[in-house]
PDB file of N, CA and C in Angstrom:
ATOM      1  N   VAL A   1     -44.771  46.507 -28.081  1.00  0.00           N
ATOM      2  CA  VAL A   1     -43.482  45.792 -28.226  1.00  0.00           C
ATOM      3  C   VAL A   1     -42.531  46.190 -27.062  1.00  0.00           C
ATOM      4  N   SER A   2     -42.428  47.476 -26.804  1.00  0.00           N
ATOM      5  CA  SER A   2     -41.512  47.978 -25.778  1.00  0.00           C
ATOM      6  C   SER A   2     -41.873  47.404 -24.410  1.00  0.00           C
ATOM      7  N   GLN A   3     -43.198  47.189 -24.198  1.00  0.00           N
ATOM      8  CA  GLN A   3     -43.611  46.666 -22.892  1.00  0.00           C
ATOM      9  C   GLN A   3     -43.042  45.242 -22.694  1.00  0.00           C
ATOM     10  N   LEU A   4     -43.037  44.426 -23.747  1.00  0.00           N
ATOM     11  CA  LEU A   4     -42.496  43.071 -23.631  1.00  0.00           C
ATOM     12  C   LEU A   4     -41.008  43.150 -23.331  1.00  0.00           C
ATOM     13  N   PHE A   5     -40.291  44.049 -23.926  1.00  0.00           N
ATOM     14  CA  PHE A   5     -38.827  44.121 -23.719  1.00  0.00           C
ATOM     15  C   PHE A   5     -38.531  44.617 -22.325  1.00  0.00           C
ATOM     16  N   THR A   6     -39.340  45.526 -21.786  1.00  0.00           N
ATOM     17  CA  THR A   6     -39.071  46.020 -20.451  1.00  0.00           C
ATOM     18  C   THR A   6     -39.284  44.931 -19.412  1.00  0.00           C
ATOM     19  N   LEU A   7     -40.039  43.886 -19.750  1.00  0.00           N
ATOM     20  CA  LEU A   7     -40.265  42.776 -18.825  1.00  0.00           C
ATOM     21  C   LEU A   7     -38.927  42.017 -18.604  1.00  0.00           C
ATOM     22  N   CYS A   8     -38.062  42.045 -19.576  1.00  0.00           N
ATOM     23  CA  CYS A   8     -36.790  41.351 -19.407  1.00  0.00           C
ATOM     24  C   CYS A   8     -35.756  42.287 -18.840  1.00  0.00           C
ATOM     25  N   GLY A   9     -36.122  43.545 -18.581  1.00  0.00           N
ATOM     26  CA  GLY A   9     -35.240  44.478 -17.912  1.00  0.00           C
ATOM     27  C   GLY A   9     -34.265  45.240 -18.822  1.00  0.00           C
ATOM     28  N   GLU A  10     -34.459  45.058 -20.109  1.00  0.00           N
ATOM     29  CA  GLU A  10     -33.616  45.787 -21.089  1.00  0.00           C
ATOM     30  C   GLU A  10     -34.481  46.466 -22.137  1.00  0.00           C
ATOM     31  N   ASP A  11     -34.166  47.730 -22.395  1.00  0.00           N
ATOM     32  CA  ASP A  11     -34.923  48.427 -23.435  1.00  0.00           C
ATOM     33  C   ASP A  11     -34.387  48.112 -24.799  1.00  0.00           C
ATOM     34  N   ASP A  12     -33.111  47.765 -24.888  1.00  0.00           N
ATOM     35  CA  ASP A  12     -32.505  47.484 -26.173  1.00  0.00           C
ATOM     36  C   ASP A  12     -32.830  46.054 -26.635  1.00  0.00           C
ATOM     37  N   VAL A  13     -33.242  45.938 -27.867  1.00  0.00           N
ATOM     38  CA  VAL A  13     -33.641  44.624 -28.399  1.00  0.00           C
ATOM     39  C   VAL A  13     -32.515  43.603 -28.325  1.00  0.00           C
ATOM     40  N   SER A  14     -31.322  43.984 -28.712  1.00  0.00           N
ATOM     41  CA  SER A  14     -30.217  43.030 -28.718  1.00  0.00           C
ATOM     42  C   SER A  14     -29.870  42.563 -27.296  1.00  0.00           C
ATOM     43  N   LEU A  15     -29.976  43.485 -26.320  1.00  0.00           N
ATOM     44  CA  LEU A  15     -29.675  43.101 -24.940  1.00  0.00           C
ATOM     45  C   LEU A  15     -30.746  42.133 -24.432  1.00  0.00           C
ATOM     46  N   CYS A  16     -31.993  42.372 -24.811  1.00  0.00           N
ATOM     47  CA  CYS A  16     -33.055  41.497 -24.417  1.00  0.00           C
ATOM     48  C   CYS A  16     -32.872  40.107 -25.028  1.00  0.00           C
ATOM     49  N   TYR A  17     -32.442  40.095 -26.329  1.00  0.00           N
ATOM     50  CA  TYR A  17     -32.226  38.839 -26.997  1.00  0.00           C
ATOM     51  C   TYR A  17     -31.081  38.052 -26.346  1.00  0.00           C
ATOM     52  N   ASN A  18     -29.996  38.759 -26.056  1.00  0.00           N
ATOM     53  CA  ASN A  18     -28.851  38.104 -25.391  1.00  0.00           C
ATOM     54  C   ASN A  18     -29.247  37.516 -24.023  1.00  0.00           C
ATOM     55  N   LYS A  19     -30.076  38.283 -23.330  1.00  0.00           N
ATOM     56  CA  LYS A  19     -30.541  37.833 -22.014  1.00  0.00           C
ATOM     57  C   LYS A  19     -31.404  36.599 -22.180  1.00  0.00           C
ATOM     58  N   SER A  20     -32.216  36.553 -23.250  1.00  0.00           N
ATOM     59  CA  SER A  20     -33.118  35.436 -23.416  1.00  0.00           C
ATOM     60  C   SER A  20     -32.347  34.160 -23.764  1.00  0.00           C
ATOM     61  N   ASN A  21     -31.126  34.298 -24.272  1.00  0.00           N
ATOM     62  CA  ASN A  21     -30.313  33.126 -24.590  1.00  0.00           C
ATOM     63  C   ASN A  21     -29.516  32.674 -23.385  1.00  0.00           C
ATOM     64  N   ASN A  22     -29.655  33.367 -22.294  1.00  0.00           N
ATOM     65  CA  ASN A  22     -28.945  32.982 -21.044  1.00  0.00           C
ATOM     66  C   ASN A  22     -29.731  31.845 -20.397  1.00  0.00           C
ATOM     67  N   PRO A  23     -29.107  30.675 -20.178  1.00  0.00           N
ATOM     68  CA  PRO A  23     -29.803  29.517 -19.599  1.00  0.00           C
ATOM     69  C   PRO A  23     -30.396  29.807 -18.234  1.00  0.00           C
ATOM     70  N   ASN A  24     -29.895  30.821 -17.559  1.00  0.00           N
ATOM     71  CA  ASN A  24     -30.419  31.153 -16.241  1.00  0.00           C
ATOM     72  C   ASN A  24     -31.582  32.113 -16.311  1.00  0.00           C
ATOM     73  N   ALA A  25     -31.925  32.563 -17.526  1.00  0.00           N
ATOM     74  CA  ALA A  25     -32.967  33.569 -17.666  1.00  0.00           C
ATOM     75  C   ALA A  25     -34.253  32.921 -18.198  1.00  0.00           C
ATOM     76  N   GLY A  26     -34.962  32.222 -17.330  1.00  0.00           N
ATOM     77  CA  GLY A  26     -36.134  31.490 -17.749  1.00  0.00           C
ATOM     78  C   GLY A  26     -37.273  32.363 -18.204  1.00  0.00           C
ATOM     79  N   THR A  27     -37.703  33.290 -17.362  1.00  0.00           N
ATOM     80  CA  THR A  27     -38.847  34.122 -17.704  1.00  0.00           C
ATOM     81  C   THR A  27     -38.522  35.070 -18.833  1.00  0.00           C
ATOM     82  N   GLU A  28     -37.295  35.571 -18.898  1.00  0.00           N
ATOM     83  CA  GLU A  28     -36.905  36.472 -19.970  1.00  0.00           C
ATOM     84  C   GLU A  28     -37.004  35.757 -21.303  1.00  0.00           C
ATOM     85  N   LYS A  29     -36.608  34.478 -21.323  1.00  0.00           N
ATOM     86  CA  LYS A  29     -36.663  33.722 -22.552  1.00  0.00           C
ATOM     87  C   LYS A  29     -38.112  33.534 -22.980  1.00  0.00           C
ATOM     88  N   THR A  30     -38.966  33.264 -22.034  1.00  0.00           N
ATOM     89  CA  THR A  30     -40.391  33.068 -22.339  1.00  0.00           C
ATOM     90  C   THR A  30     -41.000  34.326 -22.918  1.00  0.00           C
ATOM     91  N   TYR A  31     -40.704  35.484 -22.351  1.00  0.00           N
ATOM     92  CA  TYR A  31     -41.236  36.729 -22.875  1.00  0.00           C
ATOM     93  C   TYR A  31     -40.710  36.995 -24.250  1.00  0.00           C
ATOM     94  N   PHE A  32     -39.448  36.703 -24.483  1.00  0.00           N
ATOM     95  CA  PHE A  32     -38.890  36.920 -25.818  1.00  0.00           C
ATOM     96  C   PHE A  32     -39.507  36.024 -26.870  1.00  0.00           C
ATOM     97  N   LEU A  33     -39.791  34.760 -26.479  1.00  0.00           N
ATOM     98  CA  LEU A  33     -40.413  33.848 -27.411  1.00  0.00           C
ATOM     99  C   LEU A  33     -41.838  34.293 -27.726  1.00  0.00           C
ATOM    100  N   ILE A  34     -42.522  34.800 -26.716  1.00  0.00           N
ATOM    101  CA  ILE A  34     -43.867  35.326 -26.956  1.00  0.00           C
ATOM    102  C   ILE A  34     -43.796  36.505 -27.952  1.00  0.00           C
ATOM    103  N   PHE A  35     -42.811  37.355 -27.785  1.00  0.00           N
ATOM    104  CA  PHE A  35     -42.611  38.464 -28.711  1.00  0.00           C
ATOM    105  C   PHE A  35     -42.338  37.971 -30.113  1.00  0.00           C
ATOM    106  N   GLU A  36     -41.471  36.985 -30.244  1.00  0.00           N
ATOM    107  CA  GLU A  36     -41.135  36.420 -31.531  1.00  0.00           C
ATOM    108  C   GLU A  36     -42.340  35.814 -32.246  1.00  0.00           C
ATOM    109  N   LEU A  37     -43.127  35.072 -31.468  1.00  0.00           N
ATOM    110  CA  LEU A  37     -44.332  34.465 -32.028  1.00  0.00           C
ATOM    111  C   LEU A  37     -45.296  35.565 -32.490  1.00  0.00           C
ATOM    112  N   GLY A  38     -45.465  36.590 -31.665  1.00  0.00           N
ATOM    113  CA  GLY A  38     -46.350  37.678 -32.030  1.00  0.00           C
ATOM    114  C   GLY A  38     -45.863  38.365 -33.301  1.00  0.00           C
ATOM    115  N   ASN A  39     -44.541  38.474 -33.459  1.00  0.00           N
ATOM    116  CA  ASN A  39     -43.967  39.110 -34.614  1.00  0.00           C
ATOM    117  C   ASN A  39     -44.288  38.340 -35.880  1.00  0.00           C
ATOM    118  N   HIS A  40     -44.107  37.039 -35.848  1.00  0.00           N
ATOM    119  CA  HIS A  40     -44.322  36.204 -37.013  1.00  0.00           C
ATOM    120  C   HIS A  40     -45.820  36.010 -37.339  1.00  0.00           C
ATOM    121  N   LEU A  41     -46.635  36.105 -36.300  1.00  0.00           N
ATOM    122  CA  LEU A  41     -48.072  35.893 -36.519  1.00  0.00           C
ATOM    123  C   LEU A  41     -48.818  37.227 -36.632  1.00  0.00           C
ATOM    124  N   ASN A  42     -48.057  38.338 -36.556  1.00  0.00           N
ATOM    125  CA  ASN A  42     -48.668  39.673 -36.702  1.00  0.00           C
ATOM    126  C   ASN A  42     -49.678  39.968 -35.615  1.00  0.00           C
ATOM    127  N   PHE A  43     -49.365  39.609 -34.380  1.00  0.00           N
ATOM    128  CA  PHE A  43     -50.251  39.926 -33.286  1.00  0.00           C
ATOM    129  C   PHE A  43     -50.027  41.382 -32.858  1.00  0.00           C
TER     130      PHE A  43
END
């Protein structure tokens, strides 16, 4: 999990989430969505 968050440049979950909601943060949003999907599907 921590590896996915470091990809968006923030170790804190809330900071990563806020960054993912930034319209200018394309890749960060993608990584966060991947994390969310993994969370719900228990990957």
